[in-house]
N, C-alpha and C. Protein backbone atom coordinates (compact mmCIF):
# COMPACT_ATOMS: atom_id res chain seq x y z
N UNK A 1 2.91 18.36 -9.74
CA UNK A 1 2.61 16.62 -10.37
C UNK A 1 3.76 15.32 -9.72
N UNK A 2 2.96 14.52 -8.89
CA UNK A 2 4.02 13.95 -8.19
C UNK A 2 3.11 11.81 -7.99
N UNK A 3 3.71 11.39 -7.80
CA UNK A 3 2.62 9.95 -7.43
C UNK A 3 3.43 9.46 -6.25
N UNK A 4 1.96 9.30 -5.40
CA UNK A 4 1.73 7.84 -3.93
C UNK A 4 2.92 7.27 -4.14
N UNK A 5 3.36 7.54 -2.57
CA UNK A 5 4.46 6.56 -2.47
C UNK A 5 3.52 5.31 -1.21
N UNK A 6 2.24 5.91 -1.27
CA UNK A 6 1.87 5.77 0.16
C UNK A 6 1.23 3.89 0.43
N UNK A 7 0.88 3.05 -1.12
CA UNK A 7 0.61 1.95 -1.20
C UNK A 7 2.16 1.65 -1.41
N UNK A 8 2.96 1.98 -1.69
CA UNK A 8 3.88 0.73 -0.98
C UNK A 8 5.27 1.12 -0.57
N UNK A 9 4.29 2.29 0.68
CA UNK A 9 5.14 2.11 2.07
C UNK A 9 4.28 0.94 2.70
N UNK A 10 3.31 1.35 2.51
CA UNK A 10 2.02 1.02 4.53
C UNK A 10 2.72 -0.94 2.63
N UNK A 11 3.10 -1.59 1.85
CA UNK A 11 2.95 -2.88 1.80
C UNK A 11 3.96 -3.34 2.00
N UNK A 12 5.02 -2.49 2.83
CA UNK A 12 6.55 -2.91 3.25
C UNK A 12 6.65 -2.91 4.86
N UNK A 13 5.83 -2.19 5.35
CA UNK A 13 4.72 -2.31 7.11
C UNK A 13 4.49 -3.61 6.86
N UNK A 14 3.26 -3.54 5.71
CA UNK A 14 3.29 -4.94 6.46
C UNK A 14 3.49 -6.23 6.42
N UNK A 15 4.17 -5.83 5.28
CA UNK A 15 5.61 -7.24 5.69
C UNK A 15 5.99 -7.51 5.88
N UNK A 16 6.88 -6.98 6.17
CA UNK A 16 7.50 -6.48 7.89
C UNK A 16 7.14 -6.43 9.28
N UNK A 17 5.66 -6.57 8.70
CA UNK A 17 4.48 -7.14 10.26
C UNK A 17 4.71 -9.06 9.93
N UNK A 18 4.57 -8.56 9.45
CA UNK A 18 4.32 -10.77 8.79
C UNK A 18 5.54 -11.74 9.01
N UNK A 19 6.43 -11.16 8.86
CA UNK A 19 8.00 -11.52 9.31
C UNK A 19 8.05 -11.41 10.34
N UNK A 20 7.85 -10.40 11.06
CA UNK A 20 7.74 -10.65 13.17
C UNK A 20 6.82 -10.28 13.16
N UNK A 21 5.82 -11.65 13.14
CA UNK A 21 4.15 -12.03 13.65
C UNK A 21 3.99 -12.64 14.40
N UNK A 22 5.36 -12.66 15.14
CA UNK A 22 5.38 -12.81 16.77
C UNK A 22 5.64 -11.97 17.57
N UNK A 23 5.60 -10.49 17.60
CA UNK A 23 5.29 -9.67 18.13
C UNK A 23 5.48 -8.76 17.66
N UNK A 24 4.83 -7.87 18.24
CA UNK A 24 3.73 -6.38 18.35
C UNK A 24 5.41 -5.27 18.33
N UNK A 25 4.99 -4.66 16.83
CA UNK A 25 6.29 -3.93 16.35
C UNK A 25 5.69 -2.36 16.31
N UNK A 26 6.21 -1.13 17.30
CA UNK A 26 6.09 0.09 17.28
C UNK A 26 6.23 0.82 15.89
N UNK A 27 4.95 2.10 16.37
CA UNK A 27 5.40 2.69 14.34
C UNK A 27 7.59 3.24 14.80
N UNK A 28 7.78 3.18 15.81
CA UNK A 28 9.13 3.58 15.34
C UNK A 28 9.94 2.45 14.95
N UNK A 29 9.70 1.58 15.57
CA UNK A 29 10.11 -0.38 15.18
C UNK A 29 9.98 0.24 13.36
N UNK A 30 9.31 0.79 12.45
CA UNK A 30 8.60 0.54 11.55
C UNK A 30 8.63 1.73 10.34
N UNK A 31 9.20 2.40 11.12
CA UNK A 31 9.55 3.75 10.71
C UNK A 31 11.35 3.67 10.37
N UNK A 32 12.19 2.98 11.41
CA UNK A 32 13.30 2.46 11.42
C UNK A 32 13.58 1.65 9.64
N UNK A 33 12.63 0.68 9.53
CA UNK A 33 12.78 -0.22 8.38
C UNK A 33 12.65 0.99 7.69
N UNK A 34 11.76 1.52 6.47
CA UNK A 34 10.91 1.82 6.01
C UNK A 34 11.74 3.10 5.39
N UNK A 35 12.60 4.09 6.68
CA UNK A 35 13.77 4.74 6.96
C UNK A 35 12.55 6.15 6.71
N UNK A 36 12.04 6.71 7.59
CA UNK A 36 11.00 7.75 7.70
C UNK A 36 10.27 7.77 9.30
N UNK A 37 10.04 8.82 9.26
CA UNK A 37 9.57 9.57 9.62
C UNK A 37 8.46 8.60 10.55
N UNK A 38 8.62 8.50 11.75
CA UNK A 38 7.21 7.60 12.60
C UNK A 38 5.13 7.91 12.48
N UNK A 39 6.12 9.40 12.03
CA UNK A 39 4.69 10.29 12.07
C UNK A 39 3.37 10.01 10.30
N UNK A 40 5.01 9.35 9.91
CA UNK A 40 3.93 8.74 8.36
C UNK A 40 3.37 7.35 8.59
N UNK A 41 4.08 6.44 9.76
CA UNK A 41 3.88 6.11 9.10
C UNK A 41 3.03 5.23 10.13
N UNK A 42 2.53 5.81 11.04
CA UNK A 42 1.68 6.18 12.76
C UNK A 42 -0.15 6.03 11.08
N UNK A 43 0.24 7.30 10.50
CA UNK A 43 -0.54 7.80 9.49
C UNK A 43 -1.35 6.61 8.38
N UNK A 44 -0.59 6.02 7.77
CA UNK A 44 -0.67 5.27 7.28
C UNK A 44 -1.10 4.03 8.08
N UNK A 45 -1.21 4.02 9.12
CA UNK A 45 -1.36 2.10 10.49
C UNK A 45 -2.69 2.60 10.44
N UNK A 46 -3.07 4.26 10.77
CA UNK A 46 -4.61 5.05 11.34
C UNK A 46 -5.59 3.99 9.84
N UNK A 47 -4.82 4.10 8.83
CA UNK A 47 -5.76 3.72 7.02
C UNK A 47 -5.34 2.21 7.39
N UNK A 48 -4.41 1.92 7.59
CA UNK A 48 -5.05 0.09 7.65
C UNK A 48 -5.59 -0.39 9.05
N UNK A 49 -5.50 0.62 9.55
CA UNK A 49 -6.02 -0.13 11.40
C UNK A 49 -8.09 0.15 10.45
N UNK A 50 -8.30 1.18 9.99
CA UNK A 50 -9.74 1.06 9.73
C UNK A 50 -10.39 0.19 8.78
N UNK A 51 -8.77 -0.45 8.15
CA UNK A 51 -9.62 -1.57 6.45
C UNK A 51 -9.08 -2.78 7.29
N UNK A 52 -8.59 -2.56 8.42
CA UNK A 52 -8.92 -4.86 9.17
C UNK A 52 -7.94 -4.81 8.52
N UNK A 53 -6.07 -4.08 8.17
CA UNK A 53 -5.63 -4.55 7.95
C UNK A 53 -3.99 -5.17 8.44
N UNK A 54 -4.34 -3.63 9.58
CA UNK A 54 -3.94 -4.84 11.53
C UNK A 54 -4.27 -3.95 12.68
N UNK A 55 -3.66 -4.75 13.79
CA UNK A 55 -4.36 -4.14 15.54
C UNK A 55 -3.69 -3.74 15.77
N UNK A 56 -4.08 -2.63 16.90
CA UNK A 56 -2.50 -1.50 17.85
C UNK A 56 -3.60 -2.15 19.18
N UNK A 57 -2.69 -1.78 20.08
CA UNK A 57 -2.69 -2.48 21.04
C UNK A 57 -1.33 -0.88 22.21
N UNK A 58 -2.48 0.35 22.64
CA UNK A 58 -1.58 0.71 23.36
C UNK A 58 -0.99 0.48 24.24
N UNK A 59 0.46 1.41 24.60
CA UNK A 59 0.91 0.99 26.09
C UNK A 59 2.07 0.44 25.81
N UNK A 60 2.71 0.16 27.09
CA UNK A 60 4.33 -0.17 27.07
C UNK A 60 4.62 -1.51 25.89
N UNK A 61 3.50 -1.94 26.48
CA UNK A 61 3.99 -3.46 25.51
C UNK A 61 2.90 -3.01 24.06
N UNK A 62 2.17 -2.19 24.06
CA UNK A 62 1.17 -2.68 22.78
C UNK A 62 2.73 -2.00 21.82
N UNK A 63 1.25 -1.74 20.38
CA UNK A 63 1.76 -1.88 19.27
C UNK A 63 1.19 -2.73 17.94
N UNK A 64 1.79 -3.25 16.65
CA UNK A 64 0.88 -3.27 16.16
C UNK A 64 1.16 -4.55 15.03
N UNK A 65 0.30 -5.66 15.27
CA UNK A 65 0.55 -6.59 14.62
C UNK A 65 -0.56 -7.00 13.25
N UNK A 66 -0.34 -7.93 12.24
CA UNK A 66 -1.44 -8.08 11.82
C UNK A 66 -2.64 -8.65 11.79
N UNK A 67 -4.66 -7.55 11.67
CA UNK A 67 -5.20 -8.95 12.38
C UNK A 67 -5.21 -9.85 11.02
N UNK A 68 -4.93 -9.48 10.14
CA UNK A 68 -5.84 -11.99 9.44
C UNK A 68 -4.06 -12.27 9.18
N UNK A 69 -4.12 -12.87 8.17
CA UNK A 69 -3.01 -14.32 8.04
C UNK A 69 -2.68 -13.39 6.68
N UNK A 70 -2.15 -13.04 6.66
CA UNK A 70 -0.09 -12.85 5.77
C UNK A 70 -0.73 -13.09 3.77
N UNK A 71 -1.85 -14.85 4.35
CA UNK A 71 -1.92 -14.72 2.60
C UNK A 71 -3.48 -14.58 2.51
N UNK A 72 -3.77 -13.94 3.61
CA UNK A 72 -4.74 -13.27 3.24
C UNK A 72 -5.91 -11.85 3.37
N UNK A 73 -3.90 -11.31 3.30
CA UNK A 73 -3.76 -9.60 2.52
C UNK A 73 -3.78 -9.62 1.41
N UNK A 74 -3.95 -8.97 0.34
CA UNK A 74 -3.81 -8.93 -1.11
C UNK A 74 -3.24 -7.69 -1.19
N UNK A 75 -2.50 -7.62 -2.20
CA UNK A 75 -2.42 -5.90 -2.57
C UNK A 75 -2.69 -5.11 -3.03
N UNK A 76 -4.06 -6.14 -3.60
CA UNK A 76 -5.19 -4.90 -4.61
C UNK A 76 -5.66 -4.55 -2.55
N UNK A 77 -6.20 -4.96 -1.18
CA UNK A 77 -6.72 -5.07 -0.41
C UNK A 77 -5.87 -3.73 0.23
N UNK A 78 -3.83 -3.62 0.52
CA UNK A 78 -3.87 -2.26 0.92
C UNK A 78 -3.90 -1.52 -0.60
N UNK A 79 -3.84 -1.63 -1.24
CA UNK A 79 -4.20 -0.25 -2.10
C UNK A 79 -5.55 0.41 -1.96
N UNK A 80 -6.40 -0.55 -1.71
CA UNK A 80 -7.70 0.32 -1.77
C UNK A 80 -7.89 0.99 -0.48
N UNK A 81 -6.99 0.41 0.81
CA UNK A 81 -6.85 1.12 2.31
C UNK A 81 -5.75 2.46 2.05
N UNK A 82 -4.91 2.37 1.97
CA UNK A 82 -4.36 4.00 1.56
C UNK A 82 -4.64 5.08 0.53
N UNK A 83 -3.95 4.48 -0.52
CA UNK A 83 -4.26 5.76 -2.19
C UNK A 83 -5.67 5.73 -1.72
N UNK A 84 -6.04 7.20 -2.39
CA UNK A 84 -7.50 7.92 -2.32
C UNK A 84 -7.42 8.17 -3.69
N UNK A 85 -6.53 7.97 -4.93
CA UNK A 85 -7.19 8.67 -6.09
C UNK A 85 -6.73 7.28 -6.74
N UNK A 86 -7.59 7.45 -8.30
CA UNK A 86 -7.17 6.40 -9.25
C UNK A 86 -5.87 6.94 -9.00
N UNK A 87 -4.84 5.31 -9.67
CA UNK A 87 -3.84 5.79 -10.11
C UNK A 87 -3.13 7.02 -11.53
N UNK A 88 -4.29 6.56 -12.26
CA UNK A 88 -3.88 8.40 -13.09
C UNK A 88 -5.69 8.61 -12.95
N UNK A 89 -4.86 10.20 -12.67
CA UNK A 89 -6.27 10.80 -12.23
C UNK A 89 -5.56 12.18 -13.60
N UNK A 90 -7.07 12.96 -13.49
CA UNK A 90 -6.70 13.61 -14.51
C UNK A 90 -6.22 15.41 -14.22
N UNK A 91 -6.02 16.15 -14.76
CA UNK A 91 -5.21 17.81 -14.26
C UNK A 91 -6.56 18.27 -13.02
N UNK A 92 -6.32 18.93 -12.54
CA UNK A 92 -7.81 19.04 -12.05
C UNK A 92 -8.29 20.18 -12.38
N UNK A 93 -7.60 20.75 -13.36
CA UNK A 93 -8.29 22.76 -14.13
C UNK A 93 -9.04 22.11 -15.59
N UNK A 94 -9.96 21.81 -15.94
CA UNK A 94 -11.18 21.61 -17.10
C UNK A 94 -9.43 22.14 -18.20
N UNK A 95 -9.54 21.37 -18.98
CA UNK A 95 -8.71 22.01 -20.52
C UNK A 95 -9.59 22.31 -21.51
N UNK A 96 -9.53 23.52 -21.92
CA UNK A 96 -9.88 24.77 -22.69
C UNK A 96 -11.16 23.61 -23.94
N UNK A 97 -11.94 23.55 -23.22
CA UNK A 97 -12.99 23.15 -24.22
C UNK A 97 -13.20 24.05 -26.04
N UNK A 98 -12.72 24.91 -26.04
CA UNK A 98 -12.17 25.61 -27.46
C UNK A 98 -11.14 25.11 -27.75
N UNK A 99 -10.48 24.23 -27.66
CA UNK A 99 -9.23 23.50 -28.47
C UNK A 99 -10.26 21.44 -28.29
N UNK A 100 -9.80 21.40 -29.82
CA UNK A 100 -10.97 19.56 -29.86
C UNK A 100 -9.71 19.07 -29.31
N UNK A 101 -8.22 19.20 -29.03
CA UNK A 101 -7.27 18.40 -27.82
C UNK A 101 -7.73 18.10 -26.48
N UNK A 102 -8.87 19.68 -25.99
CA UNK A 102 -8.46 20.22 -24.29
C UNK A 102 -10.03 19.66 -24.72
N UNK A 103 -11.25 19.47 -25.87
CA UNK A 103 -12.20 18.93 -25.41
C UNK A 103 -12.80 17.68 -25.63
N UNK A 104 -12.19 17.04 -25.74
CA UNK A 104 -11.93 14.86 -26.06
C UNK A 104 -11.14 13.95 -25.32
N UNK A 105 -10.10 14.83 -24.67
CA UNK A 105 -9.25 14.52 -24.41
C UNK A 105 -8.92 12.98 -22.84
N UNK A 106 -9.76 13.53 -21.73
CA UNK A 106 -10.26 13.70 -20.66
C UNK A 106 -11.12 11.95 -21.28
N UNK A 107 -13.07 12.26 -21.67
CA UNK A 107 -12.83 10.90 -22.35
C UNK A 107 -11.91 10.22 -23.14
N UNK A 108 -11.44 10.69 -23.55
CA UNK A 108 -11.18 9.35 -24.77
C UNK A 108 -10.02 9.16 -23.86
N UNK A 109 -9.41 9.45 -22.72
CA UNK A 109 -8.47 8.80 -22.19
C UNK A 109 -8.72 7.88 -20.87
N UNK A 110 -10.17 8.58 -20.66
CA UNK A 110 -10.98 7.40 -19.32
C UNK A 110 -11.04 6.05 -20.11
N UNK A 111 -11.27 5.94 -20.81
CA UNK A 111 -12.03 4.91 -22.04
C UNK A 111 -10.89 4.21 -21.99
N UNK A 112 -9.39 4.32 -21.96
CA UNK A 112 -8.38 4.20 -22.61
C UNK A 112 -7.98 3.32 -21.22
N UNK A 113 -7.88 3.99 -20.74
CA UNK A 113 -7.49 3.90 -19.14
C UNK A 113 -7.52 2.61 -18.49
N UNK A 114 -8.95 2.94 -19.34
CA UNK A 114 -10.07 1.94 -18.30
C UNK A 114 -9.92 0.60 -18.19
N UNK A 115 -9.40 -0.54 -18.99
CA UNK A 115 -9.13 -1.62 -19.17
C UNK A 115 -7.56 -1.40 -18.09
N UNK A 116 -6.56 -0.75 -18.63
CA UNK A 116 -5.26 -0.34 -17.69
C UNK A 116 -5.61 -0.93 -16.19
N UNK A 117 -6.91 -0.21 -15.98
CA UNK A 117 -6.86 0.23 -14.54
C UNK A 117 -7.41 -1.13 -13.89
N UNK A 118 -8.05 -1.83 -14.37
CA UNK A 118 -8.72 -2.99 -14.37
C UNK A 118 -7.22 -4.06 -14.24
N UNK A 119 -6.33 -3.77 -15.20
CA UNK A 119 -5.45 -5.03 -15.33
C UNK A 119 -4.12 -5.52 -13.86
N UNK A 120 -4.86 -3.71 -13.76
CA UNK A 120 -3.47 -4.04 -12.49
C UNK A 120 -4.08 -4.09 -11.21
N UNK A 121 -5.31 -4.30 -10.69
CA UNK A 121 -6.35 -4.25 -9.62
C UNK A 121 -6.73 -5.58 -9.84
N UNK A 122 -6.68 -6.20 -10.75
CA UNK A 122 -6.99 -7.69 -10.98
C UNK A 122 -5.26 -8.17 -10.18
N UNK A 123 -4.28 -7.64 -10.88
CA UNK A 123 -3.13 -8.26 -10.85
C UNK A 123 -2.41 -7.98 -9.30
N UNK A 124 -3.01 -6.76 -8.80
CA UNK A 124 -2.84 -6.87 -7.35
C UNK A 124 -3.14 -8.10 -6.52
N UNK A 125 -5.07 -7.83 -7.12
CA UNK A 125 -5.60 -9.47 -5.91
C UNK A 125 -5.01 -10.24 -6.06
N UNK A 126 -4.28 -10.84 -6.83
CA UNK A 126 -3.83 -11.53 -6.66
C UNK A 126 -2.80 -12.54 -6.10
N UNK A 127 -1.55 -10.80 -5.44
CA UNK A 127 -0.52 -10.91 -5.14
C UNK A 127 -0.80 -10.56 -3.77
N UNK A 128 -0.37 -10.93 -2.54
CA UNK A 128 -0.85 -11.45 -1.10
C UNK A 128 0.96 -11.01 -0.21
N UNK A 129 0.84 -10.63 0.61
CA UNK A 129 1.47 -10.24 1.48
C UNK A 129 2.45 -11.47 2.12
N UNK A 130 2.10 -12.35 2.24
CA UNK A 130 2.51 -13.57 1.98
C UNK A 130 3.72 -14.13 1.11
N UNK A 131 2.68 -13.76 -0.41
CA UNK A 131 4.29 -13.84 -1.50
C UNK A 131 5.25 -12.61 -1.50
N UNK A 132 4.68 -11.97 -1.30
CA UNK A 132 5.70 -10.58 -0.58
C UNK A 132 6.41 -11.03 -0.09
N UNK A 133 6.45 -11.72 1.17
CA UNK A 133 7.43 -11.73 2.11
C UNK A 133 8.21 -12.91 1.40
N UNK A 134 7.74 -14.05 0.52
CA UNK A 134 8.12 -15.59 0.37
C UNK A 134 9.51 -14.50 -0.87
N UNK A 135 8.74 -13.82 -1.86
CA UNK A 135 9.84 -13.47 -2.52
C UNK A 135 10.94 -12.95 -2.04
N UNK A 136 11.85 -11.56 -0.49
CA UNK A 136 12.36 -11.01 -0.40
C UNK A 136 13.11 -12.38 0.65
N UNK A 137 12.48 -13.53 0.99
CA UNK A 137 13.17 -14.22 1.84
C UNK A 137 14.69 -15.11 0.98
N UNK A 138 13.44 -15.40 -0.59
CA UNK A 138 14.66 -15.90 -1.86
C UNK A 138 15.37 -14.89 -2.98
N UNK A 139 14.71 -13.40 -2.13
CA UNK A 139 16.04 -13.22 -2.92
C UNK A 139 16.81 -12.24 -2.30
N UNK A 140 16.29 -12.10 -0.77
CA UNK A 140 17.28 -12.23 0.77
C UNK A 140 18.50 -13.14 0.57
N UNK A 141 18.42 -14.77 -0.09
CA UNK A 141 18.83 -15.99 0.12
C UNK A 141 18.78 -16.58 1.75
N UNK A 142 17.77 -16.66 2.28
CA UNK A 142 17.26 -16.66 3.34
C UNK A 142 15.79 -15.89 4.81
N UNK A 143 15.98 -16.83 5.34
CA UNK A 143 14.77 -15.73 6.16
C UNK A 143 15.32 -14.53 7.24
N UNK A 144 14.66 -13.67 6.71
CA UNK A 144 15.63 -12.06 7.09
C UNK A 144 15.57 -11.78 8.97
N UNK A 145 14.58 -12.77 9.42
CA UNK A 145 14.86 -12.67 10.75
C UNK A 145 15.82 -12.82 11.15
N UNK A 146 17.16 -13.71 10.51
CA UNK A 146 18.80 -14.45 10.62
C UNK A 146 19.46 -12.87 9.53
N UNK A 147 18.92 -11.80 9.36
CA UNK A 147 19.94 -10.97 8.92
C UNK A 147 20.37 -10.05 10.10
């Protein structure tokens, strides 16, 4: 059982594209920033392109750019573009319905977790890539391009 890092990495990539909005960035450059393999970045970029969050251009002057302004891309947009599952997933095996806990755990947890999931999505909807960029500038003590 593992959690996905796709959302966090995709947010990193889109924030990097926002910081470098005046240029097209290659998957190699983005992978360097994330410190991962470019193949991982290209897979994420495919999902982000399908969600109309990035544009791409092939060739020697190609690369990736944001398809919208950073203040028009919410963290919820990113989450929904790259995550395939709900934040809380039930086990792939059905619990034993001969056990009282096993019989009732999924419907009970489903009802209890629904408001938490909605609250998370609402919060993600209130934060943009521009907000993340601004927080990085503040935390870094200046513009990341000058570092």
